[in-house]
Amino acid sequence: MAKKSHVKVRLVPEAKPDSAFYYYVKKPSGGEKAKVKLKARKYNPVSRKHEIFIEKKLPPHSK
């Protein structure tokens, strides 16, 4: 089976990382872009504004 070419990451608001709202996006798992932390300007419905969202690690799965 082939290796995955993308990894799932979570984007949280830069101003309030503990906010209840976040995005899940795919990021390349190899190459030059894999080493750069993802940053995007997206809409936050909690504050009803466009904000900068930054990449955070996914939470650990509970068993």
Protein backbone atom coordinates (compact mmCIF):
# COMPACT_ATOMS: atom_id res chain seq x y z
CA MET A 1 0.00 0.00 0.00
CA ALA A 2 1.22 3.52 -0.82
CA LYS A 3 2.15 6.12 1.78
CA LYS A 4 -0.30 8.91 2.50
CA SER A 5 0.51 12.12 0.67
CA HIS A 6 -1.46 14.34 3.07
CA VAL A 7 -1.79 14.72 6.84
CA LYS A 8 -4.83 16.08 8.66
CA VAL A 9 -4.10 19.15 10.84
CA ARG A 10 -6.29 21.40 12.95
CA LEU A 11 -6.43 25.18 12.49
CA VAL A 12 -7.27 27.21 15.59
CA PRO A 13 -7.69 31.00 15.93
CA GLU A 14 -4.39 32.74 16.66
CA ALA A 15 -6.00 35.19 19.09
CA LYS A 16 -7.92 32.54 21.09
CA PRO A 17 -6.40 29.05 20.65
CA ASP A 18 -8.78 27.63 23.30
CA SER A 19 -11.83 28.67 21.25
CA ALA A 20 -14.58 26.14 20.60
CA PHE A 21 -14.37 26.65 16.83
CA TYR A 22 -11.64 25.23 14.58
CA TYR A 23 -11.06 23.93 11.05
CA TYR A 24 -9.60 20.61 9.88
CA VAL A 25 -7.50 20.80 6.70
CA LYS A 26 -5.15 18.56 4.75
CA LYS A 27 -1.47 19.40 4.53
CA PRO A 28 1.21 17.65 2.42
CA SER A 29 3.16 15.06 4.41
CA GLY A 30 6.36 15.35 2.40
CA GLY A 31 8.35 18.01 0.63
CA GLU A 32 9.11 21.60 1.44
CA LYS A 33 5.58 22.67 2.43
CA ALA A 34 5.37 19.92 5.07
CA LYS A 35 7.98 21.68 7.21
CA VAL A 36 6.20 25.06 7.23
CA LYS A 37 3.49 25.73 9.82
CA LEU A 38 0.19 26.38 8.08
CA LYS A 39 -1.43 29.81 8.51
CA ALA A 40 -4.69 30.90 6.87
CA ARG A 41 -7.20 33.71 7.10
CA LYS A 42 -10.62 32.17 7.65
CA TYR A 43 -14.03 33.13 8.99
CA ASN A 44 -14.68 32.61 12.69
CA PRO A 45 -18.43 32.38 13.39
CA VAL A 46 -17.88 32.80 17.15
CA SER A 47 -16.45 36.31 16.76
CA ARG A 48 -18.21 36.84 13.38
CA LYS A 49 -14.99 38.10 11.77
CA HIS A 50 -12.22 36.87 9.48
CA GLU A 51 -9.19 35.95 11.59
CA ILE A 52 -5.80 34.32 11.24
CA PHE A 53 -5.93 30.59 11.99
CA ILE A 54 -2.71 28.70 12.79
CA GLU A 55 -1.85 25.02 12.75
CA LYS A 56 -1.97 23.01 15.97
CA LYS A 57 -1.40 19.34 16.64
CA LEU A 58 -4.44 17.07 16.65
CA PRO A 59 -5.62 16.03 20.10
CA PRO A 60 -4.75 12.50 21.18
CA HIS A 61 -7.47 9.90 20.66
CA SER A 62 -9.13 8.60 23.77
CA LYS A 63 -9.62 4.85 24.12
